[in-house]
Amino acid sequence: MKSEKDSSVPDAAKSFATLKTKEGHGSGCLISKDGLILTNYHVVGDSPSWAPLLFEDGAKDSGIVVRVYPEYDLALIKINTPKLKPLK
């Protein structure tokens, strides 16, 4: 018998994207319906203000790095058309 918690894991996985950088890759999570993705500063670092994204369904897009917080190792990326549901 599946619990409610079991069914939420695949849903949560659909809220994530892979960010590709010159140094490698990292992950980000859609946190709002208007397209804000939370990631780590060390993933975007001093890279250009855009970030290539690969979504769980195979779709590709790019977002704009709108804010970085190096002291907390956080960054926000904005995408125009969210393809994912925000993480609950």
N, C-alpha and C. Protein backbone atom coordinates (compact mmCIF):
# COMPACT_ATOMS: atom_id res chain seq x y z
N MET A 1 0.83 -1.17 0.00
CA MET A 1 0.00 0.00 0.00
C MET A 1 0.88 1.24 0.00
N LYS A 2 0.66 2.15 -0.96
CA LYS A 2 1.44 3.38 -1.05
C LYS A 2 0.89 4.42 -0.09
N SER A 3 1.82 5.11 0.54
CA SER A 3 1.40 6.21 1.41
C SER A 3 1.43 7.51 0.62
N GLU A 4 0.86 8.55 1.20
CA GLU A 4 0.87 9.86 0.56
C GLU A 4 2.30 10.33 0.36
N LYS A 5 3.17 10.02 1.31
CA LYS A 5 4.57 10.41 1.22
C LYS A 5 5.24 9.76 0.01
N ASP A 6 4.95 8.48 -0.26
CA ASP A 6 5.55 7.79 -1.40
C ASP A 6 5.19 8.46 -2.72
N SER A 7 3.95 8.91 -2.87
CA SER A 7 3.53 9.49 -4.13
C SER A 7 4.07 10.90 -4.32
N SER A 8 4.52 11.56 -3.25
CA SER A 8 5.03 12.92 -3.39
C SER A 8 6.47 12.95 -3.87
N VAL A 9 7.21 11.87 -3.75
CA VAL A 9 8.60 11.84 -4.18
C VAL A 9 8.72 12.07 -5.69
N PRO A 10 7.98 11.36 -6.54
CA PRO A 10 8.07 11.65 -7.97
C PRO A 10 7.63 13.07 -8.31
N ASP A 11 6.63 13.59 -7.59
CA ASP A 11 6.20 14.96 -7.82
C ASP A 11 7.31 15.94 -7.47
N ALA A 12 7.99 15.71 -6.37
CA ALA A 12 9.09 16.59 -5.95
C ALA A 12 10.22 16.56 -6.97
N ALA A 13 10.52 15.39 -7.51
CA ALA A 13 11.60 15.27 -8.50
C ALA A 13 11.31 16.11 -9.74
N LYS A 14 10.04 16.30 -10.04
CA LYS A 14 9.67 17.09 -11.22
C LYS A 14 9.86 18.58 -11.00
N SER A 15 10.19 19.01 -9.79
CA SER A 15 10.41 20.42 -9.49
C SER A 15 11.87 20.84 -9.66
N PHE A 16 12.72 19.91 -10.05
CA PHE A 16 14.16 20.19 -10.14
C PHE A 16 14.63 20.30 -11.58
N ALA A 17 15.72 21.04 -11.75
CA ALA A 17 16.37 21.18 -13.04
C ALA A 17 17.87 21.02 -12.83
N THR A 18 18.56 20.60 -13.87
CA THR A 18 20.01 20.52 -13.86
C THR A 18 20.56 21.77 -14.52
N LEU A 19 21.52 22.42 -13.88
CA LEU A 19 22.18 23.60 -14.43
C LEU A 19 23.52 23.18 -14.97
N LYS A 20 23.77 23.49 -16.24
CA LYS A 20 25.05 23.14 -16.85
C LYS A 20 25.96 24.35 -16.85
N THR A 21 27.20 24.14 -16.39
CA THR A 21 28.19 25.21 -16.37
C THR A 21 29.46 24.72 -17.05
N LYS A 22 30.41 25.61 -17.24
CA LYS A 22 31.69 25.22 -17.85
C LYS A 22 32.43 24.23 -16.98
N GLU A 23 32.28 24.37 -15.66
CA GLU A 23 33.00 23.51 -14.72
C GLU A 23 32.30 22.17 -14.47
N GLY A 24 31.05 22.05 -14.85
CA GLY A 24 30.31 20.82 -14.59
C GLY A 24 28.82 21.07 -14.57
N HIS A 25 28.16 20.61 -13.52
CA HIS A 25 26.72 20.82 -13.42
C HIS A 25 26.30 20.85 -11.95
N GLY A 26 25.09 21.35 -11.72
CA GLY A 26 24.52 21.40 -10.39
C GLY A 26 23.01 21.28 -10.53
N SER A 27 22.31 21.46 -9.45
CA SER A 27 20.86 21.35 -9.51
C SER A 27 20.21 22.60 -8.97
N GLY A 28 18.96 22.79 -9.35
CA GLY A 28 18.16 23.90 -8.86
C GLY A 28 16.74 23.43 -8.69
N CYS A 29 15.99 24.14 -7.89
CA CYS A 29 14.62 23.76 -7.58
C CYS A 29 13.70 24.94 -7.83
N LEU A 30 12.62 24.70 -8.57
CA LEU A 30 11.63 25.74 -8.81
C LEU A 30 10.87 25.98 -7.51
N ILE A 31 10.89 27.23 -7.03
CA ILE A 31 10.27 27.54 -5.74
C ILE A 31 9.06 28.45 -5.86
N SER A 32 8.74 28.92 -7.07
CA SER A 32 7.58 29.79 -7.23
C SER A 32 6.94 29.59 -8.61
N LYS A 33 5.66 29.92 -8.70
CA LYS A 33 4.94 29.77 -9.97
C LYS A 33 5.41 30.75 -11.02
N ASP A 34 6.06 31.84 -10.59
CA ASP A 34 6.52 32.83 -11.55
C ASP A 34 7.92 32.55 -12.07
N GLY A 35 8.48 31.38 -11.78
CA GLY A 35 9.72 30.95 -12.42
C GLY A 35 11.01 31.20 -11.67
N LEU A 36 10.99 31.28 -10.35
CA LEU A 36 12.24 31.43 -9.60
C LEU A 36 12.79 30.06 -9.23
N ILE A 37 14.06 29.87 -9.56
CA ILE A 37 14.76 28.62 -9.26
C ILE A 37 15.84 28.93 -8.23
N LEU A 38 15.85 28.18 -7.15
CA LEU A 38 16.85 28.32 -6.09
C LEU A 38 17.96 27.32 -6.34
N THR A 39 19.19 27.80 -6.30
CA THR A 39 20.36 26.94 -6.47
C THR A 39 21.46 27.44 -5.54
N ASN A 40 22.64 26.88 -5.69
CA ASN A 40 23.78 27.31 -4.88
C ASN A 40 24.63 28.31 -5.65
N TYR A 41 25.21 29.23 -4.92
CA TYR A 41 26.11 30.21 -5.52
C TYR A 41 27.30 29.52 -6.17
N HIS A 42 27.83 28.48 -5.52
CA HIS A 42 29.00 27.83 -6.09
C HIS A 42 28.69 27.17 -7.43
N VAL A 43 27.40 26.96 -7.73
CA VAL A 43 27.03 26.40 -9.04
C VAL A 43 27.10 27.48 -10.11
N VAL A 44 26.57 28.67 -9.84
CA VAL A 44 26.58 29.75 -10.83
C VAL A 44 27.82 30.62 -10.72
N GLY A 45 28.35 30.78 -9.50
CA GLY A 45 29.58 31.52 -9.27
C GLY A 45 29.65 32.83 -10.01
N ASP A 46 30.78 33.08 -10.60
CA ASP A 46 30.99 34.32 -11.35
C ASP A 46 30.75 34.11 -12.84
N SER A 47 29.92 33.13 -13.16
CA SER A 47 29.60 32.84 -14.56
C SER A 47 28.75 33.97 -15.13
N PRO A 48 28.53 33.96 -16.42
CA PRO A 48 27.67 34.98 -17.03
C PRO A 48 26.30 34.99 -16.35
N SER A 49 25.52 35.99 -16.62
CA SER A 49 24.26 36.16 -15.93
C SER A 49 23.16 35.20 -16.39
N TRP A 50 23.48 34.27 -17.26
CA TRP A 50 22.49 33.28 -17.70
C TRP A 50 22.95 31.89 -17.34
N ALA A 51 22.00 30.98 -17.24
CA ALA A 51 22.34 29.61 -16.86
C ALA A 51 21.54 28.63 -17.73
N PRO A 52 22.22 27.74 -18.47
CA PRO A 52 21.51 26.72 -19.24
C PRO A 52 20.88 25.69 -18.29
N LEU A 53 19.65 25.32 -18.56
CA LEU A 53 18.90 24.40 -17.70
C LEU A 53 18.41 23.20 -18.48
N LEU A 54 18.42 22.04 -17.83
CA LEU A 54 17.85 20.82 -18.39
C LEU A 54 16.81 20.32 -17.40
N PHE A 55 15.57 20.17 -17.87
CA PHE A 55 14.48 19.78 -17.00
C PHE A 55 14.27 18.27 -17.01
N GLU A 56 13.53 17.80 -16.04
CA GLU A 56 13.29 16.38 -15.82
C GLU A 56 12.69 15.70 -17.06
N ASP A 57 11.88 16.43 -17.82
CA ASP A 57 11.24 15.85 -19.00
C ASP A 57 12.12 15.93 -20.25
N GLY A 58 13.35 16.42 -20.10
CA GLY A 58 14.28 16.52 -21.23
C GLY A 58 14.28 17.88 -21.90
N ALA A 59 13.36 18.77 -21.53
CA ALA A 59 13.30 20.10 -22.13
C ALA A 59 14.52 20.92 -21.70
N LYS A 60 14.96 21.80 -22.60
CA LYS A 60 16.10 22.68 -22.31
C LYS A 60 15.63 24.13 -22.35
N ASP A 61 16.25 24.94 -21.53
CA ASP A 61 15.92 26.37 -21.46
C ASP A 61 17.12 27.07 -20.83
N SER A 62 17.04 28.36 -20.72
CA SER A 62 18.06 29.09 -19.98
C SER A 62 17.37 30.12 -19.10
N GLY A 63 17.99 30.43 -18.00
CA GLY A 63 17.45 31.40 -17.07
C GLY A 63 18.47 32.49 -16.80
N ILE A 64 17.99 33.56 -16.20
CA ILE A 64 18.85 34.69 -15.86
C ILE A 64 19.15 34.64 -14.36
N VAL A 65 20.42 34.74 -14.02
CA VAL A 65 20.81 34.81 -12.61
C VAL A 65 20.41 36.20 -12.12
N VAL A 66 19.42 36.26 -11.24
CA VAL A 66 18.90 37.55 -10.79
C VAL A 66 19.46 37.99 -9.44
N ARG A 67 19.94 37.07 -8.64
CA ARG A 67 20.45 37.44 -7.33
C ARG A 67 21.41 36.37 -6.85
N VAL A 68 22.50 36.77 -6.24
CA VAL A 68 23.43 35.82 -5.63
C VAL A 68 23.70 36.25 -4.19
N TYR A 69 23.90 35.26 -3.34
CA TYR A 69 24.22 35.47 -1.94
C TYR A 69 25.43 34.59 -1.61
N PRO A 70 26.64 35.05 -1.97
CA PRO A 70 27.83 34.22 -1.76
C PRO A 70 28.03 33.79 -0.31
N GLU A 71 27.70 34.68 0.63
CA GLU A 71 27.93 34.35 2.04
C GLU A 71 27.03 33.22 2.53
N TYR A 72 25.90 32.98 1.85
CA TYR A 72 25.01 31.87 2.20
C TYR A 72 25.05 30.74 1.16
N ASP A 73 25.90 30.90 0.14
CA ASP A 73 26.01 29.93 -0.95
C ASP A 73 24.67 29.70 -1.64
N LEU A 74 23.94 30.79 -1.91
CA LEU A 74 22.64 30.71 -2.58
C LEU A 74 22.60 31.61 -3.80
N ALA A 75 21.77 31.23 -4.77
CA ALA A 75 21.54 32.05 -5.95
C ALA A 75 20.11 31.82 -6.43
N LEU A 76 19.55 32.85 -7.07
CA LEU A 76 18.21 32.76 -7.67
C LEU A 76 18.34 32.94 -9.17
N ILE A 77 17.65 32.08 -9.90
CA ILE A 77 17.61 32.14 -11.35
C ILE A 77 16.15 32.32 -11.75
N LYS A 78 15.90 33.18 -12.73
CA LYS A 78 14.53 33.42 -13.21
C LYS A 78 14.39 32.84 -14.60
N ILE A 79 13.33 32.03 -14.77
CA ILE A 79 13.00 31.54 -16.11
C ILE A 79 11.66 32.17 -16.50
N ASN A 80 11.47 32.38 -17.80
CA ASN A 80 10.25 33.05 -18.27
C ASN A 80 9.02 32.17 -18.26
N THR A 81 9.19 30.94 -18.65
CA THR A 81 8.03 30.04 -18.74
C THR A 81 8.31 28.79 -17.93
N PRO A 82 7.89 28.79 -16.68
CA PRO A 82 8.15 27.60 -15.86
C PRO A 82 7.52 26.34 -16.48
N LYS A 83 8.34 25.31 -16.62
CA LYS A 83 7.87 24.05 -17.19
C LYS A 83 7.58 23.05 -16.08
N LEU A 84 7.83 23.45 -14.86
CA LEU A 84 7.68 22.55 -13.73
C LEU A 84 6.72 23.15 -12.72
N LYS A 85 6.24 22.30 -11.83
CA LYS A 85 5.46 22.79 -10.70
C LYS A 85 6.44 23.14 -9.59
N PRO A 86 6.17 24.24 -8.86
CA PRO A 86 7.06 24.58 -7.76
C PRO A 86 7.05 23.49 -6.69
N LEU A 87 8.16 23.36 -5.99
CA LEU A 87 8.27 22.42 -4.89
C LEU A 87 7.31 22.85 -3.79
N LYS A 88 6.61 21.90 -3.22
CA LYS A 88 5.65 22.24 -2.15
C LYS A 88 6.37 22.50 -0.87
